[in-house]
Amino acid sequence: MSFEKLIERRIRDAVAEGAFDNLKGTGQPLHLSDAENLAGENWLGYKILQNGDLLPDWLMLAKEIEVDRERLAALDARHADAVALAASSGDWPAHAASIQRRRDAFEQAACDLRCKQDRYNQSAPSMHLERAGIWVEHHLARLDARLHGAPDQS
């Protein structure tokens, strides 16, 4: 007996025994969430993954992107702190390496984030789910402007 026929037989037996009587929502239409509607014909698989606290790869990537955005904001703040410290001490040469390391870390994190955003946009099931990617060069120019706008650089 094939696996499918075995399953069908067990379902028929369960129906005959009344195992499916008085279930919540019996006879009512299924109410699908927006995410389940987006999954189209794969809605049941999505629902099972969701109930198992699992997500499709593109949604897991979206979660990673949010964490990376927070990390990037923290790196930006650290760079600002290093520039402020150098400006307050007036000893720019002593702080130059630290400032450069923080800029480099920001640049690497920003490039990694942009790559993830591009991967997300390619794997999202619908164009309206795509997200704008960060403009890495703009953010680096902003960090450089912060440095060059600081007083008393020598």
N, C-alpha and C. Protein backbone atom coordinates (compact mmCIF):
# COMPACT_ATOMS: atom_id res chain seq x y z
N MET A 1 0.85 -1.18 0.00
CA MET A 1 0.00 0.00 0.00
C MET A 1 0.89 1.24 0.00
N SER A 2 0.55 2.21 -0.87
CA SER A 2 1.37 3.41 -0.96
C SER A 2 1.14 4.30 0.27
N PHE A 3 2.08 5.17 0.49
CA PHE A 3 2.02 6.09 1.62
C PHE A 3 0.78 6.99 1.53
N GLU A 4 0.48 7.49 0.32
CA GLU A 4 -0.67 8.37 0.13
C GLU A 4 -1.97 7.65 0.45
N LYS A 5 -2.09 6.40 0.00
CA LYS A 5 -3.31 5.64 0.27
C LYS A 5 -3.46 5.34 1.76
N LEU A 6 -2.34 5.10 2.43
CA LEU A 6 -2.38 4.88 3.87
C LEU A 6 -2.89 6.12 4.58
N ILE A 7 -2.40 7.28 4.18
CA ILE A 7 -2.84 8.54 4.79
C ILE A 7 -4.33 8.75 4.53
N GLU A 8 -4.77 8.55 3.28
CA GLU A 8 -6.18 8.72 2.95
C GLU A 8 -7.06 7.78 3.79
N ARG A 9 -6.62 6.56 3.95
CA ARG A 9 -7.39 5.58 4.75
C ARG A 9 -7.51 6.03 6.20
N ARG A 10 -6.40 6.51 6.76
CA ARG A 10 -6.43 6.96 8.16
C ARG A 10 -7.32 8.18 8.32
N ILE A 11 -7.31 9.06 7.34
CA ILE A 11 -8.19 10.24 7.40
C ILE A 11 -9.65 9.79 7.33
N ARG A 12 -9.99 8.89 6.42
CA ARG A 12 -11.37 8.38 6.31
C ARG A 12 -11.80 7.71 7.61
N ASP A 13 -10.91 6.92 8.21
CA ASP A 13 -11.23 6.27 9.48
C ASP A 13 -11.48 7.30 10.58
N ALA A 14 -10.65 8.35 10.62
CA ALA A 14 -10.81 9.40 11.64
C ALA A 14 -12.12 10.14 11.43
N VAL A 15 -12.49 10.42 10.18
CA VAL A 15 -13.75 11.09 9.90
C VAL A 15 -14.91 10.20 10.35
N ALA A 16 -14.83 8.92 10.06
CA ALA A 16 -15.89 7.98 10.43
C ALA A 16 -16.04 7.89 11.95
N GLU A 17 -14.93 8.02 12.68
CA GLU A 17 -14.97 7.94 14.14
C GLU A 17 -15.36 9.27 14.77
N GLY A 18 -15.50 10.34 13.96
CA GLY A 18 -15.91 11.64 14.48
C GLY A 18 -14.77 12.47 15.03
N ALA A 19 -13.53 12.14 14.67
CA ALA A 19 -12.36 12.86 15.19
C ALA A 19 -12.35 14.33 14.76
N PHE A 20 -13.01 14.64 13.66
CA PHE A 20 -12.99 16.02 13.15
C PHE A 20 -14.29 16.77 13.45
N ASP A 21 -15.19 16.15 14.23
CA ASP A 21 -16.43 16.81 14.59
C ASP A 21 -16.16 17.91 15.62
N ASN A 22 -16.91 18.98 15.55
CA ASN A 22 -16.87 20.09 16.53
C ASN A 22 -15.50 20.77 16.63
N LEU A 23 -14.76 20.81 15.55
CA LEU A 23 -13.50 21.56 15.55
C LEU A 23 -13.80 23.05 15.45
N LYS A 24 -12.98 23.85 16.05
CA LYS A 24 -13.14 25.29 15.99
C LYS A 24 -13.07 25.74 14.52
N GLY A 25 -14.05 26.54 14.10
CA GLY A 25 -14.04 27.08 12.75
C GLY A 25 -14.60 26.13 11.71
N THR A 26 -15.19 25.03 12.12
CA THR A 26 -15.74 24.07 11.16
C THR A 26 -16.77 24.76 10.28
N GLY A 27 -16.63 24.59 8.98
CA GLY A 27 -17.57 25.17 8.03
C GLY A 27 -17.34 26.64 7.72
N GLN A 28 -16.37 27.25 8.36
CA GLN A 28 -16.07 28.66 8.14
C GLN A 28 -14.92 28.80 7.14
N PRO A 29 -14.90 29.90 6.40
CA PRO A 29 -13.77 30.10 5.47
C PRO A 29 -12.48 30.35 6.24
N LEU A 30 -11.38 29.98 5.62
CA LEU A 30 -10.08 30.25 6.23
C LEU A 30 -9.76 31.73 6.11
N HIS A 31 -9.23 32.30 7.17
CA HIS A 31 -8.82 33.70 7.15
C HIS A 31 -7.30 33.72 7.05
N LEU A 32 -6.81 34.16 5.92
CA LEU A 32 -5.37 34.17 5.69
C LEU A 32 -4.81 35.55 6.01
N SER A 33 -3.64 35.57 6.60
CA SER A 33 -2.96 36.84 6.85
C SER A 33 -2.42 37.38 5.53
N ASP A 34 -1.97 38.63 5.56
CA ASP A 34 -1.40 39.23 4.35
C ASP A 34 -0.20 38.42 3.86
N ALA A 35 0.62 37.97 4.80
CA ALA A 35 1.80 37.20 4.42
C ALA A 35 1.39 35.87 3.79
N GLU A 36 0.36 35.25 4.32
CA GLU A 36 -0.10 33.99 3.75
C GLU A 36 -0.68 34.21 2.36
N ASN A 37 -1.40 35.33 2.18
CA ASN A 37 -1.93 35.66 0.85
C ASN A 37 -0.79 35.87 -0.15
N LEU A 38 0.30 36.49 0.31
CA LEU A 38 1.45 36.72 -0.57
C LEU A 38 2.10 35.40 -0.99
N ALA A 39 1.99 34.40 -0.12
CA ALA A 39 2.59 33.11 -0.42
C ALA A 39 1.84 32.39 -1.54
N GLY A 40 0.65 32.87 -1.88
CA GLY A 40 -0.12 32.28 -2.98
C GLY A 40 -0.45 30.83 -2.72
N GLU A 41 -0.18 29.99 -3.68
CA GLU A 41 -0.53 28.57 -3.55
C GLU A 41 0.31 27.86 -2.50
N ASN A 42 1.33 28.52 -2.01
CA ASN A 42 2.19 27.94 -0.97
C ASN A 42 1.75 28.37 0.43
N TRP A 43 0.54 28.90 0.56
CA TRP A 43 0.10 29.46 1.84
C TRP A 43 0.12 28.42 2.96
N LEU A 44 -0.23 27.19 2.67
CA LEU A 44 -0.26 26.17 3.71
C LEU A 44 1.14 25.89 4.24
N GLY A 45 2.10 25.78 3.33
CA GLY A 45 3.49 25.58 3.76
C GLY A 45 3.98 26.75 4.59
N TYR A 46 3.62 27.96 4.18
CA TYR A 46 4.00 29.15 4.93
C TYR A 46 3.39 29.09 6.33
N LYS A 47 2.11 28.71 6.41
CA LYS A 47 1.41 28.64 7.70
C LYS A 47 2.08 27.63 8.62
N ILE A 48 2.47 26.50 8.07
CA ILE A 48 3.15 25.48 8.88
C ILE A 48 4.49 26.01 9.39
N LEU A 49 5.23 26.67 8.51
CA LEU A 49 6.50 27.26 8.93
C LEU A 49 6.29 28.31 10.01
N GLN A 50 5.28 29.13 9.81
CA GLN A 50 4.98 30.19 10.77
C GLN A 50 4.60 29.59 12.13
N ASN A 51 3.75 28.57 12.12
CA ASN A 51 3.35 27.93 13.37
C ASN A 51 4.53 27.25 14.05
N GLY A 52 5.50 26.80 13.27
CA GLY A 52 6.71 26.18 13.82
C GLY A 52 7.77 27.20 14.19
N ASP A 53 7.40 28.48 14.15
CA ASP A 53 8.31 29.59 14.44
C ASP A 53 9.49 29.64 13.47
N LEU A 54 9.22 29.24 12.23
CA LEU A 54 10.22 29.30 11.17
C LEU A 54 9.72 30.27 10.11
N LEU A 55 10.61 30.80 9.33
CA LEU A 55 10.23 31.73 8.28
C LEU A 55 10.95 31.37 6.99
N PRO A 56 10.39 31.77 5.86
CA PRO A 56 11.12 31.59 4.59
C PRO A 56 12.43 32.38 4.62
N ASP A 57 13.37 31.96 3.78
CA ASP A 57 14.69 32.60 3.76
C ASP A 57 14.61 34.10 3.61
N TRP A 58 13.72 34.60 2.73
CA TRP A 58 13.68 36.04 2.49
C TRP A 58 13.20 36.80 3.73
N LEU A 59 12.34 36.19 4.54
CA LEU A 59 11.90 36.86 5.77
C LEU A 59 12.98 36.77 6.85
N MET A 60 13.71 35.67 6.89
CA MET A 60 14.84 35.56 7.83
C MET A 60 15.88 36.62 7.48
N LEU A 61 16.10 36.82 6.19
CA LEU A 61 17.03 37.84 5.74
C LEU A 61 16.55 39.23 6.15
N ALA A 62 15.25 39.46 6.09
CA ALA A 62 14.70 40.76 6.51
C ALA A 62 14.99 41.00 7.99
N LYS A 63 14.89 39.96 8.81
CA LYS A 63 15.22 40.11 10.23
C LYS A 63 16.70 40.44 10.41
N GLU A 64 17.57 39.76 9.66
CA GLU A 64 19.00 40.03 9.73
C GLU A 64 19.29 41.47 9.34
N ILE A 65 18.60 41.96 8.33
CA ILE A 65 18.81 43.33 7.86
C ILE A 65 18.48 44.33 8.96
N GLU A 66 17.41 44.09 9.69
CA GLU A 66 17.05 45.00 10.78
C GLU A 66 18.13 45.01 11.87
N VAL A 67 18.68 43.86 12.20
CA VAL A 67 19.76 43.78 13.19
C VAL A 67 21.00 44.51 12.66
N ASP A 68 21.31 44.31 11.38
CA ASP A 68 22.48 44.98 10.78
C ASP A 68 22.31 46.49 10.73
N ARG A 69 21.08 46.96 10.52
CA ARG A 69 20.84 48.41 10.51
C ARG A 69 21.12 49.01 11.90
N GLU A 70 20.73 48.30 12.94
CA GLU A 70 21.01 48.76 14.30
C GLU A 70 22.51 48.76 14.56
N ARG A 71 23.19 47.73 14.09
CA ARG A 71 24.65 47.65 14.25
C ARG A 71 25.33 48.80 13.53
N LEU A 72 24.84 49.12 12.34
CA LEU A 72 25.41 50.22 11.57
C LEU A 72 25.21 51.55 12.30
N ALA A 73 24.06 51.74 12.90
CA ALA A 73 23.80 52.97 13.67
C ALA A 73 24.76 53.06 14.86
N ALA A 74 25.04 51.92 15.50
CA ALA A 74 25.98 51.91 16.62
C ALA A 74 27.40 52.24 16.15
N LEU A 75 27.79 51.72 14.99
CA LEU A 75 29.12 52.04 14.44
C LEU A 75 29.22 53.53 14.08
N ASP A 76 28.14 54.08 13.58
CA ASP A 76 28.08 55.52 13.27
C ASP A 76 28.29 56.33 14.54
N ALA A 77 27.61 55.93 15.61
CA ALA A 77 27.73 56.64 16.89
C ALA A 77 29.15 56.54 17.44
N ARG A 78 29.77 55.38 17.29
CA ARG A 78 31.16 55.21 17.77
C ARG A 78 32.12 56.11 16.99
N HIS A 79 31.88 56.23 15.70
CA HIS A 79 32.71 57.12 14.89
C HIS A 79 32.53 58.57 15.35
N ALA A 80 31.29 58.96 15.59
CA ALA A 80 31.01 60.32 16.07
C ALA A 80 31.69 60.57 17.40
N ASP A 81 31.66 59.57 18.30
CA ASP A 81 32.32 59.71 19.61
C ASP A 81 33.82 59.87 19.45
N ALA A 82 34.43 59.10 18.55
CA ALA A 82 35.88 59.19 18.34
C ALA A 82 36.26 60.56 17.79
N VAL A 83 35.47 61.08 16.86
CA VAL A 83 35.74 62.41 16.31
C VAL A 83 35.58 63.47 17.40
N ALA A 84 34.54 63.35 18.22
CA ALA A 84 34.31 64.31 19.30
C ALA A 84 35.46 64.27 20.31
N LEU A 85 35.95 63.07 20.61
CA LEU A 85 37.06 62.93 21.55
C LEU A 85 38.32 63.59 20.99
N ALA A 86 38.58 63.36 19.71
CA ALA A 86 39.77 63.98 19.09
C ALA A 86 39.62 65.50 19.07
N ALA A 87 38.42 65.98 18.80
CA ALA A 87 38.19 67.43 18.76
C ALA A 87 38.35 68.04 20.14
N SER A 88 37.85 67.35 21.16
CA SER A 88 37.94 67.92 22.51
C SER A 88 39.37 67.90 23.04
N SER A 89 40.13 66.89 22.66
CA SER A 89 41.52 66.82 23.14
C SER A 89 42.44 67.69 22.29
N GLY A 90 42.06 67.90 21.04
CA GLY A 90 42.90 68.68 20.13
C GLY A 90 44.09 67.89 19.59
N ASP A 91 44.21 66.63 20.00
CA ASP A 91 45.34 65.80 19.57
C ASP A 91 44.86 64.85 18.46
N TRP A 92 44.67 65.40 17.26
CA TRP A 92 44.16 64.62 16.15
C TRP A 92 45.06 63.47 15.74
N PRO A 93 46.38 63.66 15.70
CA PRO A 93 47.24 62.53 15.30
C PRO A 93 47.11 61.31 16.24
N ALA A 94 46.88 61.56 17.51
CA ALA A 94 46.76 60.46 18.47
C ALA A 94 45.47 59.66 18.24
N HIS A 95 44.45 60.29 17.67
CA HIS A 95 43.16 59.64 17.49
C HIS A 95 42.88 59.23 16.03
N ALA A 96 43.78 59.59 15.13
CA ALA A 96 43.54 59.35 13.70
C ALA A 96 43.35 57.87 13.38
N ALA A 97 44.16 57.00 13.96
CA ALA A 97 44.06 55.57 13.68
C ALA A 97 42.73 55.00 14.18
N SER A 98 42.30 55.45 15.36
CA SER A 98 41.03 54.98 15.92
C SER A 98 39.86 55.43 15.05
N ILE A 99 39.91 56.67 14.61
CA ILE A 99 38.84 57.20 13.75
C ILE A 99 38.80 56.43 12.43
N GLN A 100 39.98 56.16 11.86
CA GLN A 100 40.04 55.43 10.59
C GLN A 100 39.52 54.00 10.74
N ARG A 101 39.87 53.33 11.86
CA ARG A 101 39.38 51.97 12.11
C ARG A 101 37.85 51.95 12.21
N ARG A 102 37.30 52.96 12.86
CA ARG A 102 35.84 53.04 13.00
C ARG A 102 35.18 53.32 11.65
N ARG A 103 35.81 54.14 10.82
CA ARG A 103 35.27 54.40 9.48
C ARG A 103 35.33 53.12 8.65
N ASP A 104 36.44 52.41 8.74
CA ASP A 104 36.60 51.16 7.98
C ASP A 104 35.56 50.12 8.41
N ALA A 105 35.33 50.02 9.73
CA ALA A 105 34.33 49.07 10.24
C ALA A 105 32.94 49.46 9.74
N PHE A 106 32.66 50.76 9.74
CA PHE A 106 31.37 51.24 9.23
C PHE A 106 31.23 50.91 7.75
N GLU A 107 32.28 51.16 6.98
CA GLU A 107 32.23 50.90 5.54
C GLU A 107 31.97 49.42 5.26
N GLN A 108 32.67 48.54 5.96
CA GLN A 108 32.49 47.11 5.76
C GLN A 108 31.07 46.68 6.12
N ALA A 109 30.58 47.17 7.26
CA ALA A 109 29.22 46.82 7.69
C ALA A 109 28.17 47.37 6.73
N ALA A 110 28.40 48.58 6.21
CA ALA A 110 27.46 49.18 5.26
C ALA A 110 27.44 48.40 3.95
N CYS A 111 28.59 47.99 3.47
CA CYS A 111 28.65 47.18 2.23
C CYS A 111 27.97 45.83 2.43
N ASP A 112 28.20 45.20 3.58
CA ASP A 112 27.56 43.93 3.88
C ASP A 112 26.04 44.09 3.94
N LEU A 113 25.60 45.17 4.58
CA LEU A 113 24.17 45.44 4.67
C LEU A 113 23.56 45.64 3.29
N ARG A 114 24.24 46.41 2.45
CA ARG A 114 23.72 46.66 1.10
C ARG A 114 23.61 45.35 0.31
N CYS A 115 24.59 44.47 0.46
CA CYS A 115 24.53 43.17 -0.22
C CYS A 115 23.32 42.37 0.25
N LYS A 116 23.07 42.38 1.55
CA LYS A 116 21.91 41.66 2.08
C LYS A 116 20.61 42.29 1.56
N GLN A 117 20.58 43.62 1.50
CA GLN A 117 19.38 44.29 0.99
C GLN A 117 19.14 43.91 -0.47
N ASP A 118 20.19 43.84 -1.25
CA ASP A 118 20.05 43.45 -2.65
C ASP A 118 19.56 42.00 -2.76
N ARG A 119 20.13 41.10 -1.93
CA ARG A 119 19.68 39.70 -1.93
C ARG A 119 18.21 39.60 -1.52
N TYR A 120 17.83 40.39 -0.52
CA TYR A 120 16.44 40.39 -0.08
C TYR A 120 15.52 40.82 -1.23
N ASN A 121 15.88 41.90 -1.90
CA ASN A 121 15.04 42.42 -2.98
C ASN A 121 14.93 41.42 -4.14
N GLN A 122 15.97 40.64 -4.34
CA GLN A 122 15.92 39.63 -5.40
C GLN A 122 15.08 38.43 -5.00
N SER A 123 15.00 38.14 -3.70
CA SER A 123 14.28 36.94 -3.27
C SER A 123 12.88 37.21 -2.74
N ALA A 124 12.54 38.48 -2.50
CA ALA A 124 11.18 38.79 -2.02
C ALA A 124 10.17 38.37 -3.09
N PRO A 125 9.06 37.78 -2.68
CA PRO A 125 8.12 37.23 -3.66
C PRO A 125 7.33 38.27 -4.44
N SER A 126 7.42 39.53 -4.06
CA SER A 126 6.64 40.56 -4.74
C SER A 126 7.43 41.86 -4.77
N MET A 127 7.28 42.63 -5.85
CA MET A 127 8.01 43.89 -5.97
C MET A 127 7.62 44.88 -4.87
N HIS A 128 6.37 44.85 -4.44
CA HIS A 128 5.98 45.82 -3.41
C HIS A 128 6.55 45.49 -2.03
N LEU A 129 7.20 44.35 -1.89
CA LEU A 129 7.87 44.01 -0.64
C LEU A 129 9.33 44.44 -0.63
N GLU A 130 9.84 44.86 -1.78
CA GLU A 130 11.23 45.27 -1.85
C GLU A 130 11.47 46.52 -1.00
N ARG A 131 12.70 46.67 -0.54
CA ARG A 131 13.08 47.80 0.31
C ARG A 131 14.23 48.54 -0.34
N ALA A 132 14.23 49.82 -0.15
CA ALA A 132 15.33 50.63 -0.69
C ALA A 132 16.62 50.28 0.04
N GLY A 133 17.68 50.13 -0.72
CA GLY A 133 18.98 49.83 -0.14
C GLY A 133 19.67 51.11 0.30
N ILE A 134 20.59 50.97 1.23
CA ILE A 134 21.32 52.16 1.68
C ILE A 134 22.31 52.57 0.59
N TRP A 135 22.62 53.82 0.58
CA TRP A 135 23.58 54.38 -0.36
C TRP A 135 24.89 54.51 0.42
N VAL A 136 25.76 53.53 0.26
CA VAL A 136 26.98 53.43 1.06
C VAL A 136 27.86 54.67 0.89
N GLU A 137 28.05 55.11 -0.34
CA GLU A 137 28.93 56.25 -0.60
C GLU A 137 28.43 57.52 0.09
N HIS A 138 27.13 57.69 0.13
CA HIS A 138 26.55 58.86 0.80
C HIS A 138 26.88 58.84 2.29
N HIS A 139 26.73 57.67 2.91
CA HIS A 139 27.00 57.57 4.35
C HIS A 139 28.49 57.75 4.65
N LEU A 140 29.35 57.24 3.78
CA LEU A 140 30.78 57.45 3.99
C LEU A 140 31.14 58.92 3.83
N ALA A 141 30.52 59.58 2.87
CA ALA A 141 30.76 61.02 2.70
C ALA A 141 30.29 61.79 3.94
N ARG A 142 29.20 61.33 4.55
CA ARG A 142 28.69 61.97 5.76
C ARG A 142 29.69 61.80 6.91
N LEU A 143 30.27 60.61 7.04
CA LEU A 143 31.28 60.39 8.08
C LEU A 143 32.52 61.26 7.82
N ASP A 144 32.94 61.33 6.57
CA ASP A 144 34.10 62.16 6.22
C ASP A 144 33.81 63.64 6.48
N ALA A 145 32.60 64.07 6.18
CA ALA A 145 32.24 65.47 6.42
C ALA A 145 32.25 65.77 7.92
N ARG A 146 31.84 64.80 8.72
CA ARG A 146 31.87 64.97 10.18
C ARG A 146 33.31 65.20 10.62
N LEU A 147 34.22 64.44 10.04
CA LEU A 147 35.63 64.55 10.39
C LEU A 147 36.21 65.88 9.95
N HIS A 148 35.91 66.26 8.72
CA HIS A 148 36.47 67.50 8.17
C HIS A 148 35.79 68.74 8.73
N GLY A 149 34.60 68.57 9.27
CA GLY A 149 33.89 69.70 9.85
C GLY A 149 34.26 69.95 11.30
N ALA A 150 35.03 69.04 11.89
CA ALA A 150 35.43 69.19 13.29
C ALA A 150 36.48 70.29 13.42
N PRO A 151 36.42 71.08 14.47
CA PRO A 151 37.37 72.19 14.64
C PRO A 151 38.78 71.73 15.01
N ASP A 152 39.72 72.56 14.70
CA ASP A 152 41.12 72.42 15.15
C ASP A 152 41.79 71.12 14.72
N GLN A 153 41.59 70.71 13.48
CA GLN A 153 42.32 69.55 12.97
C GLN A 153 43.69 70.01 12.50
N SER A 154 44.67 69.28 12.89
CA SER A 154 46.02 69.64 12.43
C SER A 154 46.67 68.44 11.81
